[in-house]
Amino acid sequence: MSSPGLATTVQDRGRFGYYRFGIPQGGAMDQYAAALANRLVGNTTHEAVLECTYLGPKFTVDVDTVIACTGAPVEVQVNGKPFPNNTRIELVAGDEVSFGFLPPVGSPGGRSVMVFWVVLALGFISGFGRV
């Protein structure tokens, strides 16, 4: 990852049933966009995604994979070439990907996510999962 973006986090659907212990649900802010990104790349809707706020990350992929960028309209570029939102984008090893604003990004099996982060969901309010 050559640039992490301004506020890029790894998010899943959150944790349910723990609020009584002071642990908020957490998870992606845009659950619909996260689920759509996962479906476009062939995942279940429960896989983690990269959720980006304001300025997205810039990274180069090490293996052939696919991604999908959903949510708020954003310019997605692969090797400087623009791609539309809400579509499956096929990548080959060495492709450089960059984003504009707020794209939840899904990748098959969450494999690409594990390259960048150790935690699958962050809860900023409770302090759990801080990087």
C-alpha atoms as a PDB file:
ATOM      1  CA  MET A   1       0.000   0.000   0.000  1.00  0.00           C
ATOM      2  CA  SER A   2       1.718   3.166  -1.153  1.00  0.00           C
ATOM      3  CA  SER A   3      -0.827   5.479   0.536  1.00  0.00           C
ATOM      4  CA  PRO A   4      -3.416   4.375   3.120  1.00  0.00           C
ATOM      5  CA  GLY A   5      -5.830   7.235   2.421  1.00  0.00           C
ATOM      6  CA  LEU A   6      -7.157   9.642   5.006  1.00  0.00           C
ATOM      7  CA  ALA A   7      -9.414   7.292   6.994  1.00  0.00           C
ATOM      8  CA  THR A   8      -9.289   3.775   5.537  1.00  0.00           C
ATOM      9  CA  THR A   9     -10.558   1.052   7.852  1.00  0.00           C
ATOM     10  CA  VAL A  10     -11.410  -2.609   7.499  1.00  0.00           C
ATOM     11  CA  GLN A  11     -15.084  -3.164   8.306  1.00  0.00           C
ATOM     12  CA  ASP A  12     -17.429  -6.101   8.428  1.00  0.00           C
ATOM     13  CA  ARG A  13     -21.085  -6.228   9.499  1.00  0.00           C
ATOM     14  CA  GLY A  14     -20.211  -5.500  13.137  1.00  0.00           C
ATOM     15  CA  ARG A  15     -20.794  -7.248  16.442  1.00  0.00           C
ATOM     16  CA  PHE A  16     -24.381  -7.852  17.506  1.00  0.00           C
ATOM     17  CA  GLY A  17     -25.646  -8.480  21.040  1.00  0.00           C
ATOM     18  CA  TYR A  18     -22.810  -6.910  23.051  1.00  0.00           C
ATOM     19  CA  TYR A  19     -24.118  -3.375  23.559  1.00  0.00           C
ATOM     20  CA  ARG A  20     -25.275  -4.297  27.080  1.00  0.00           C
ATOM     21  CA  PHE A  21     -21.567  -4.784  27.877  1.00  0.00           C
ATOM     22  CA  GLY A  22     -20.680  -1.367  26.466  1.00  0.00           C
ATOM     23  CA  ILE A  23     -19.480  -2.637  23.094  1.00  0.00           C
ATOM     24  CA  PRO A  24     -21.225  -0.836  20.221  1.00  0.00           C
ATOM     25  CA  GLN A  25     -22.217  -2.741  17.073  1.00  0.00           C
ATOM     26  CA  GLY A  26     -19.558  -1.093  14.887  1.00  0.00           C
ATOM     27  CA  GLY A  27     -19.142  -2.342  11.336  1.00  0.00           C
ATOM     28  CA  ALA A  28     -19.407  -0.550   8.009  1.00  0.00           C
ATOM     29  CA  MET A  29     -21.181   2.810   7.981  1.00  0.00           C
ATOM     30  CA  ASP A  30     -22.825   1.917   4.649  1.00  0.00           C
ATOM     31  CA  GLN A  31     -23.958  -1.675   5.129  1.00  0.00           C
ATOM     32  CA  TYR A  32     -25.735  -1.774   1.753  1.00  0.00           C
ATOM     33  CA  ALA A  33     -22.621  -0.638  -0.150  1.00  0.00           C
ATOM     34  CA  ALA A  34     -20.438  -3.117   1.748  1.00  0.00           C
ATOM     35  CA  ALA A  35     -22.821  -5.986   0.940  1.00  0.00           C
ATOM     36  CA  LEU A  36     -22.992  -4.921  -2.727  1.00  0.00           C
ATOM     37  CA  ALA A  37     -19.184  -4.750  -3.019  1.00  0.00           C
ATOM     38  CA  ASN A  38     -18.935  -8.275  -1.629  1.00  0.00           C
ATOM     39  CA  ARG A  39     -21.626  -9.637  -3.945  1.00  0.00           C
ATOM     40  CA  LEU A  40     -19.984  -8.092  -7.020  1.00  0.00           C
ATOM     41  CA  VAL A  41     -16.753  -9.969  -6.300  1.00  0.00           C
ATOM     42  CA  GLY A  42     -18.458 -13.250  -5.377  1.00  0.00           C
ATOM     43  CA  ASN A  43     -18.245 -13.094  -1.588  1.00  0.00           C
ATOM     44  CA  THR A  44     -20.934 -13.621   1.002  1.00  0.00           C
ATOM     45  CA  THR A  45     -22.156 -10.360   2.476  1.00  0.00           C
ATOM     46  CA  HIS A  46     -20.311 -11.164   5.721  1.00  0.00           C
ATOM     47  CA  GLU A  47     -16.761 -10.614   4.424  1.00  0.00           C
ATOM     48  CA  ALA A  48     -14.749  -7.586   5.521  1.00  0.00           C
ATOM     49  CA  VAL A  49     -14.262  -4.625   3.164  1.00  0.00           C
ATOM     50  CA  LEU A  50     -12.035  -1.581   3.088  1.00  0.00           C
ATOM     51  CA  GLU A  51     -14.172   1.452   3.926  1.00  0.00           C
ATOM     52  CA  CYS A  52     -12.612   4.768   2.996  1.00  0.00           C
ATOM     53  CA  THR A  53     -13.597   8.269   4.030  1.00  0.00           C
ATOM     54  CA  TYR A  54     -12.680  11.448   2.169  1.00  0.00           C
ATOM     55  CA  LEU A  55      -9.573  10.221   0.365  1.00  0.00           C
ATOM     56  CA  GLY A  56      -9.142   6.571  -0.541  1.00  0.00           C
ATOM     57  CA  PRO A  57      -5.964   4.488  -0.544  1.00  0.00           C
ATOM     58  CA  LYS A  58      -3.506   3.843  -3.326  1.00  0.00           C
ATOM     59  CA  PHE A  59      -2.041   0.353  -3.626  1.00  0.00           C
ATOM     60  CA  THR A  60      -0.517  -2.183  -5.997  1.00  0.00           C
ATOM     61  CA  VAL A  61      -1.863  -5.736  -6.060  1.00  0.00           C
ATOM     62  CA  ASP A  62       0.570  -8.653  -5.781  1.00  0.00           C
ATOM     63  CA  VAL A  63      -1.710 -11.294  -7.318  1.00  0.00           C
ATOM     64  CA  ASP A  64      -4.487 -11.431  -9.903  1.00  0.00           C
ATOM     65  CA  THR A  65      -7.773 -10.545  -8.166  1.00  0.00           C
ATOM     66  CA  VAL A  66     -11.005  -8.617  -8.546  1.00  0.00           C
ATOM     67  CA  ILE A  67     -12.385  -5.647  -6.634  1.00  0.00           C
ATOM     68  CA  ALA A  68     -15.602  -3.661  -6.623  1.00  0.00           C
ATOM     69  CA  CYS A  69     -16.059  -0.054  -5.548  1.00  0.00           C
ATOM     70  CA  THR A  70     -19.516   0.875  -4.271  1.00  0.00           C
ATOM     71  CA  GLY A  71     -21.191   3.582  -2.204  1.00  0.00           C
ATOM     72  CA  ALA A  72     -20.811   7.277  -2.909  1.00  0.00           C
ATOM     73  CA  PRO A  73     -19.719   8.118  -6.477  1.00  0.00           C
ATOM     74  CA  VAL A  74     -15.938   8.104  -6.660  1.00  0.00           C
ATOM     75  CA  GLU A  75     -13.302   8.028  -9.348  1.00  0.00           C
ATOM     76  CA  VAL A  76     -11.627   4.627  -9.381  1.00  0.00           C
ATOM     77  CA  GLN A  77      -8.422   4.337 -11.382  1.00  0.00           C
ATOM     78  CA  VAL A  78      -6.396   1.289 -12.333  1.00  0.00           C
ATOM     79  CA  ASN A  79      -3.011   2.215 -13.801  1.00  0.00           C
ATOM     80  CA  GLY A  80      -4.400   5.712 -14.399  1.00  0.00           C
ATOM     81  CA  LYS A  81      -7.433   4.489 -16.348  1.00  0.00           C
ATOM     82  CA  PRO A  82     -10.873   5.330 -14.847  1.00  0.00           C
ATOM     83  CA  PHE A  83     -13.391   2.573 -14.046  1.00  0.00           C
ATOM     84  CA  PRO A  84     -17.089   2.930 -13.141  1.00  0.00           C
ATOM     85  CA  ASN A  85     -18.499   2.351  -9.669  1.00  0.00           C
ATOM     86  CA  ASN A  86     -20.727  -0.600  -8.793  1.00  0.00           C
ATOM     87  CA  THR A  87     -18.944  -2.937 -11.207  1.00  0.00           C
ATOM     88  CA  ARG A  88     -16.508  -5.811 -10.902  1.00  0.00           C
ATOM     89  CA  ILE A  89     -12.945  -4.729 -11.758  1.00  0.00           C
ATOM     90  CA  GLU A  90     -10.510  -7.476 -12.806  1.00  0.00           C
ATOM     91  CA  LEU A  91      -6.906  -6.805 -11.716  1.00  0.00           C
ATOM     92  CA  VAL A  92      -3.630  -8.504 -12.583  1.00  0.00           C
ATOM     93  CA  ALA A  93      -0.513  -8.606 -10.431  1.00  0.00           C
ATOM     94  CA  GLY A  94       1.263  -5.256 -10.591  1.00  0.00           C
ATOM     95  CA  ASP A  95      -1.860  -3.138 -11.214  1.00  0.00           C
ATOM     96  CA  GLU A  96      -1.941   0.129  -9.258  1.00  0.00           C
ATOM     97  CA  VAL A  97      -5.342   1.108  -7.862  1.00  0.00           C
ATOM     98  CA  SER A  98      -6.331   4.541  -6.556  1.00  0.00           C
ATOM     99  CA  PHE A  99      -9.598   6.057  -5.353  1.00  0.00           C
ATOM    100  CA  GLY A 100     -11.288   9.363  -4.622  1.00  0.00           C
ATOM    101  CA  PHE A 101     -13.978   9.542  -1.903  1.00  0.00           C
ATOM    102  CA  LEU A 102     -15.714   6.933   0.320  1.00  0.00           C
ATOM    103  CA  PRO A 103     -15.457   3.617  -1.549  1.00  0.00           C
ATOM    104  CA  PRO A 104     -16.170   0.360   0.303  1.00  0.00           C
ATOM    105  CA  VAL A 105     -13.924  -2.126  -1.514  1.00  0.00           C
ATOM    106  CA  GLY A 106     -14.600  -5.870  -1.586  1.00  0.00           C
ATOM    107  CA  SER A 107     -12.287  -8.636  -2.719  1.00  0.00           C
ATOM    108  CA  PRO A 108     -12.958 -12.405  -2.923  1.00  0.00           C
ATOM    109  CA  GLY A 109     -12.680 -14.225   0.394  1.00  0.00           C
ATOM    110  CA  GLY A 110     -11.347 -11.099   2.078  1.00  0.00           C
ATOM    111  CA  ARG A 111      -7.835 -12.242   1.103  1.00  0.00           C
ATOM    112  CA  SER A 112      -6.593  -8.842  -0.030  1.00  0.00           C
ATOM    113  CA  VAL A 113      -7.857  -7.283   3.177  1.00  0.00           C
ATOM    114  CA  MET A 114      -5.552  -9.472   5.262  1.00  0.00           C
ATOM    115  CA  VAL A 115      -2.530  -8.186   3.363  1.00  0.00           C
ATOM    116  CA  PHE A 116      -3.110  -4.665   4.676  1.00  0.00           C
ATOM    117  CA  TRP A 117      -4.623  -5.084   8.141  1.00  0.00           C
ATOM    118  CA  VAL A 118      -4.695  -7.505  11.005  1.00  0.00           C
ATOM    119  CA  VAL A 119      -8.045  -6.501  12.529  1.00  0.00           C
ATOM    120  CA  LEU A 120     -11.324  -7.162  10.709  1.00  0.00           C
ATOM    121  CA  ALA A 121     -13.482  -4.494  12.353  1.00  0.00           C
ATOM    122  CA  LEU A 122     -12.664  -1.337  14.244  1.00  0.00           C
ATOM    123  CA  GLY A 123     -14.752   0.215  17.002  1.00  0.00           C
ATOM    124  CA  PHE A 124     -13.399   3.709  17.517  1.00  0.00           C
ATOM    125  CA  ILE A 125     -15.838   4.599  20.314  1.00  0.00           C
ATOM    126  CA  SER A 126     -15.018   1.594  22.503  1.00  0.00           C
ATOM    127  CA  GLY A 127     -11.312   1.535  21.620  1.00  0.00           C
ATOM    128  CA  PHE A 128     -11.466  -2.115  20.512  1.00  0.00           C
ATOM    129  CA  GLY A 129      -9.509  -2.986  17.396  1.00  0.00           C
ATOM    130  CA  ARG A 130      -7.479   0.202  17.116  1.00  0.00           C
ATOM    131  CA  VAL A 131      -4.562   0.041  14.699  1.00  0.00           C
END
